[in-house]
Protein backbone atom coordinates (compact mmCIF):
# COMPACT_ATOMS: atom_id res chain seq x y z
CA MET A 1 36.39 -35.73 -24.84
CA ARG A 2 40.15 -35.90 -24.50
CA ARG A 3 42.63 -33.36 -25.81
CA ASP A 4 45.43 -34.86 -27.90
CA ASP A 5 47.41 -31.83 -29.05
CA ILE A 6 50.78 -32.47 -27.39
CA ARG A 7 52.91 -35.31 -28.70
CA GLY A 8 56.52 -35.75 -27.78
CA ARG A 9 58.43 -33.79 -25.19
CA ARG A 10 56.36 -32.62 -22.22
CA ALA A 11 56.82 -30.27 -19.30
CA PRO A 12 57.85 -31.81 -15.95
CA ARG A 13 54.88 -33.23 -14.06
CA TRP A 14 55.68 -31.27 -10.90
CA LEU A 15 55.62 -28.01 -12.81
CA GLN A 16 52.32 -28.85 -14.47
CA GLN A 17 50.79 -29.61 -11.08
CA LEU A 18 52.16 -26.38 -9.65
CA LEU A 19 50.52 -24.32 -12.40
CA ALA A 20 47.18 -26.04 -11.83
CA ARG A 21 47.33 -25.39 -8.06
CA ARG A 22 48.43 -21.78 -8.38
CA TYR A 23 46.28 -20.58 -11.28
CA GLY A 24 43.32 -22.94 -11.15
CA ARG A 25 41.56 -25.19 -13.62
CA THR A 26 39.04 -24.76 -16.42
CA PRO A 27 35.41 -25.93 -16.18
CA PHE A 28 36.62 -29.08 -17.96
CA GLY A 29 39.22 -29.85 -15.30
CA GLU A 30 42.25 -28.74 -17.33
CA PRO A 31 44.82 -26.20 -16.07
CA ARG A 32 44.23 -22.58 -17.06
CA TYR A 33 47.90 -22.22 -17.95
CA ARG A 34 50.30 -24.81 -19.26
CA LEU A 35 53.95 -25.00 -20.22
CA VAL A 36 54.60 -26.73 -23.55
CA TRP A 37 57.57 -27.55 -25.76
CA ALA A 38 56.78 -25.67 -28.99
CA ALA A 39 57.79 -28.50 -31.33
CA SER A 40 55.42 -30.90 -29.52
CA ARG A 41 52.34 -28.68 -29.83
CA LEU A 42 50.02 -29.79 -32.64
CA GLU A 43 46.71 -28.64 -34.06
CA ARG A 44 44.33 -30.04 -36.65
CA THR A 45 43.98 -28.25 -39.96
CA GLY A 46 41.75 -28.86 -42.94
CA GLY A 47 42.74 -28.25 -46.53
CA VAL A 48 44.08 -29.67 -49.77
CA TRP A 49 47.43 -31.33 -49.15
CA THR A 50 50.12 -32.17 -51.70
CA ASP A 51 52.23 -35.23 -50.87
CA TRP A 52 55.62 -35.73 -52.52
CA ASP A 53 58.00 -38.60 -52.82
CA PRO A 54 60.78 -37.82 -50.28
CA ALA A 55 63.35 -38.68 -52.96
CA VAL A 56 62.22 -35.79 -55.19
CA PRO A 57 64.49 -32.73 -54.61
CA ALA A 58 62.84 -29.50 -53.51
CA ALA A 59 64.17 -27.73 -56.60
CA GLU A 60 62.26 -30.08 -58.90
CA ARG A 61 59.08 -29.54 -56.90
CA GLN A 62 59.39 -25.76 -57.16
CA ARG A 63 59.94 -25.60 -60.89
CA GLY A 64 57.22 -28.18 -61.61
CA SER A 65 59.38 -30.80 -63.31
CA ALA A 66 58.17 -33.54 -60.95
CA GLN A 67 54.68 -34.80 -60.22
CA PRO A 68 53.38 -35.17 -56.64
CA LEU A 69 52.26 -38.54 -55.34
CA ARG A 70 48.77 -37.23 -54.62
CA ARG A 71 46.64 -34.25 -53.72
CA VAL A 72 43.98 -34.91 -51.15
CA ALA A 73 41.47 -32.86 -49.14
CA GLN A 74 41.48 -33.97 -45.51
CA MET A 75 42.05 -32.99 -41.88
CA ARG A 76 45.64 -33.37 -40.65
CA TRP A 77 47.67 -32.70 -37.55
CA GLY A 78 50.40 -30.12 -37.95
CA HIS A 79 52.73 -28.01 -35.82
CA LYS A 80 51.10 -24.98 -34.24
CA TYR A 81 54.48 -23.26 -33.89
CA PRO A 82 56.47 -24.44 -36.95
CA GLY A 83 60.21 -24.06 -36.69
CA GLU A 84 60.25 -23.07 -33.00
CA GLU A 85 62.40 -24.98 -30.51
CA CYS A 86 61.67 -23.54 -27.08
CA TRP A 87 59.41 -23.70 -24.05
CA LEU A 88 56.37 -21.44 -24.13
CA ILE A 89 53.31 -20.76 -22.01
CA GLU A 90 49.74 -21.11 -23.22
CA ARG A 91 46.57 -19.81 -21.59
CA TRP A 92 43.19 -21.49 -21.86
CA THR A 93 40.56 -19.64 -23.88
CA PRO A 94 36.87 -20.60 -23.49
CA PRO A 95 34.83 -21.90 -26.44
CA SER A 96 32.69 -18.74 -26.49
CA SER A 97 35.76 -16.74 -27.57
CA TYR A 98 35.65 -18.55 -30.91
CA GLY A 99 31.99 -17.81 -31.57
CA THR A 100 29.32 -20.47 -31.96
CA PRO A 101 29.72 -23.74 -33.87
CA GLU A 102 27.36 -22.34 -36.49
CA GLN A 103 29.60 -19.32 -37.00
CA TRP A 104 32.73 -21.49 -37.02
CA TYR A 105 31.41 -23.79 -39.76
CA ARG A 106 30.30 -21.02 -42.08
CA PRO A 107 32.19 -20.58 -45.38
CA ALA A 108 35.36 -18.51 -45.05
CA SER A 109 33.81 -15.91 -47.38
CA GLU A 110 31.12 -15.36 -44.73
CA GLY A 111 33.51 -15.05 -41.81
CA GLY A 112 33.72 -18.73 -40.91
CA THR A 113 36.51 -21.26 -41.33
CA VAL A 114 35.20 -23.65 -44.01
CA LEU A 115 37.28 -23.58 -47.20
CA ALA A 116 36.25 -24.24 -50.78
CA CYS A 117 37.21 -27.91 -50.32
CA GLY A 118 34.45 -28.24 -47.69
CA LEU A 119 36.77 -28.62 -44.68
CA ALA A 120 37.31 -26.27 -41.75
CA GLY A 121 40.71 -24.70 -42.36
CA CYS A 122 41.25 -24.07 -38.62
CA GLY A 123 40.20 -27.54 -37.53
CA ASP A 124 37.18 -28.65 -35.57
CA TYR A 125 35.28 -26.20 -33.38
CA PRO A 126 37.07 -26.09 -29.99
CA GLN A 127 34.30 -27.47 -27.78
CA LEU A 128 36.67 -27.61 -24.80
CA GLY A 129 38.14 -24.22 -25.58
CA ASP A 130 41.73 -24.04 -26.70
CA TYR A 131 45.13 -22.90 -25.52
CA GLU A 132 46.67 -19.77 -26.99
CA ASP A 133 50.25 -18.49 -26.78
CA ILE A 134 50.82 -15.64 -24.30
CA GLY A 135 54.12 -14.65 -25.94
CA ALA A 136 56.61 -15.92 -23.34
CA ARG A 137 59.58 -17.83 -24.83
CA MET A 138 62.21 -19.71 -22.84
CA TYR A 139 65.20 -21.11 -24.70
CA TRP A 140 66.55 -22.66 -21.52
CA TYR A 141 65.16 -25.20 -19.08
CA PRO A 142 62.49 -23.18 -17.24
CA THR A 143 62.30 -22.92 -13.48
CA GLU A 144 59.27 -22.21 -11.33
CA ARG A 145 60.34 -18.57 -11.06
CA HIS A 146 60.62 -18.11 -14.84
CA VAL A 147 57.15 -19.53 -15.48
CA THR A 148 55.28 -17.84 -12.64
CA THR A 149 56.85 -14.46 -13.38
CA ALA A 150 55.58 -14.58 -16.97
CA ILE A 151 52.09 -15.73 -15.96
CA ASP A 152 51.78 -13.21 -13.13
CA ALA A 153 52.53 -10.43 -15.60
CA ILE A 154 49.73 -11.66 -17.87
CA GLU A 155 47.34 -11.97 -14.93
CA ARG A 156 48.04 -8.37 -13.99
CA ARG A 157 47.59 -6.96 -17.47
CA ARG A 158 44.71 -9.06 -18.77
CA GLU A 159 45.40 -7.55 -22.17
CA GLN A 160 45.32 -10.72 -24.21
CA MET A 161 44.52 -10.50 -27.89
CA PRO A 162 40.98 -11.79 -28.54
CA ALA A 163 40.98 -15.42 -29.66
CA THR A 164 38.53 -15.58 -32.54
CA ALA A 165 38.15 -17.74 -35.61
CA GLN A 166 39.46 -14.84 -37.71
CA GLY A 167 42.41 -14.37 -35.36
CA ARG A 168 43.31 -18.05 -35.61
CA ALA A 169 43.10 -17.93 -39.40
CA LEU A 170 45.41 -14.88 -39.47
CA ARG A 171 47.87 -16.66 -37.17
CA ARG A 172 47.93 -19.69 -39.45
CA THR A 173 48.53 -17.46 -42.46
CA TYR A 174 51.43 -15.79 -40.69
CA ALA A 175 52.88 -19.18 -39.70
CA ALA A 176 52.59 -20.40 -43.31
CA GLU A 177 54.39 -17.29 -44.56
CA ARG A 178 57.20 -17.83 -42.06
CA GLU A 179 57.52 -21.46 -43.12
CA GLN A 180 57.71 -20.44 -46.80
CA GLU A 181 60.40 -17.86 -45.96
CA ARG A 182 62.37 -20.56 -44.17
CA ARG A 183 62.11 -22.88 -47.20
CA ASP A 184 63.15 -20.10 -49.57
CA ALA A 185 66.20 -19.38 -47.40
CA GLU A 186 67.16 -23.07 -47.41
CA PHE A 187 66.81 -23.17 -51.19
CA GLU A 188 69.05 -20.11 -51.58
CA ARG A 189 71.69 -21.62 -49.30
CA ALA A 190 71.60 -24.88 -51.26
CA ALA A 191 71.95 -22.97 -54.53
CA MET A 192 74.94 -21.01 -53.24
CA ASP A 193 76.59 -24.20 -52.00
CA LEU A 194 76.19 -25.72 -55.47
CA PHE A 195 77.75 -22.66 -57.12
CA ASP A 196 80.61 -22.65 -54.63
CA GLU A 197 81.34 -26.30 -55.40
CA GLY A 198 81.14 -25.76 -59.16
CA SER A 199 83.01 -22.46 -59.36
CA PRO A 200 86.62 -22.71 -60.56
CA ALA A 201 89.45 -21.57 -58.33
CA PHE A 202 90.54 -17.92 -58.55
CA GLY A 203 87.17 -16.94 -60.03
CA GLY A 204 87.93 -18.70 -63.32
CA ALA A 205 91.18 -16.86 -63.96
CA PRO A 206 93.95 -19.16 -65.21
CA MET A 207 97.09 -19.41 -63.08
CA VAL A 208 99.41 -19.81 -66.10
CA GLY A 209 98.61 -19.13 -69.70
CA TYR A 210 95.05 -19.27 -70.95
CA GLY A 211 92.65 -21.93 -69.89
CA GLY A 212 89.02 -22.37 -70.76
CA SER A 213 86.18 -21.01 -68.68
CA HIS A 214 83.77 -23.11 -66.62
CA ARG A 215 80.98 -20.67 -67.30
CA PRO A 216 78.83 -23.08 -69.38
CA ALA A 217 78.89 -25.57 -66.51
CA LEU A 218 77.64 -22.92 -64.10
CA VAL A 219 74.87 -21.95 -66.50
CA GLU A 220 73.79 -25.56 -66.71
CA MET A 221 73.87 -25.85 -62.94
CA ALA A 222 71.75 -22.73 -62.50
CA GLU A 223 69.14 -24.05 -64.90
CA ARG A 224 69.19 -27.43 -63.16
CA ILE A 225 68.20 -25.90 -59.81
CA GLY A 226 65.53 -23.68 -61.33
CA ILE A 227 67.32 -20.36 -61.84
CA ARG A 228 66.38 -19.11 -65.31
CA GLN A 229 67.73 -15.56 -65.14
CA HIS A 230 71.25 -14.98 -64.00
CA PRO A 231 74.29 -12.94 -65.08
CA LEU A 232 76.42 -15.90 -66.16
């Protein structure tokens, strides 16, 4: 079996080799620690996916005025660390830490990972083990000293959070919540930009005499982007 969970930017080969020499390899011949670019780290996830036409604005999707292209239950590759742009260190975790395959493929209601759609929400059982984040983030190009200092601290503590099927599911839930918060923030910024563009100068106050108000236009704009309750 071959692991295919890093696509795109990779750590320098010399640094990868150094980590393997210094900290050893797994029973499968892989390094115990590895340095990865967060945006390149993928993992397989099962579930029901909704695919949209890229031309459909996000606002129309949120208020339900547009129909998706399809909804399909399948396994897909996705980002393990959505929204992160940095180097991080992962440590290998043996398959036994995730329970047995039988436990893994139980229904989620029974402590497993299989969803109502019949697919494992956390992907296939990690027969080779898997790599888990140790919490070190580097927003600069890492040197040997940066990487080894972080790993040596972990080696001394040995206080890593248990890597279980439940733990992975909780991590995915947290990542999904963070992604939704990011989308909500983008939507709010887009809405504010629209209001700024449509708002009249001087807050609608006429410079000379009495001019009409642009308030109806703002109301229409608010309704167009999905805001139904507002003080306008």
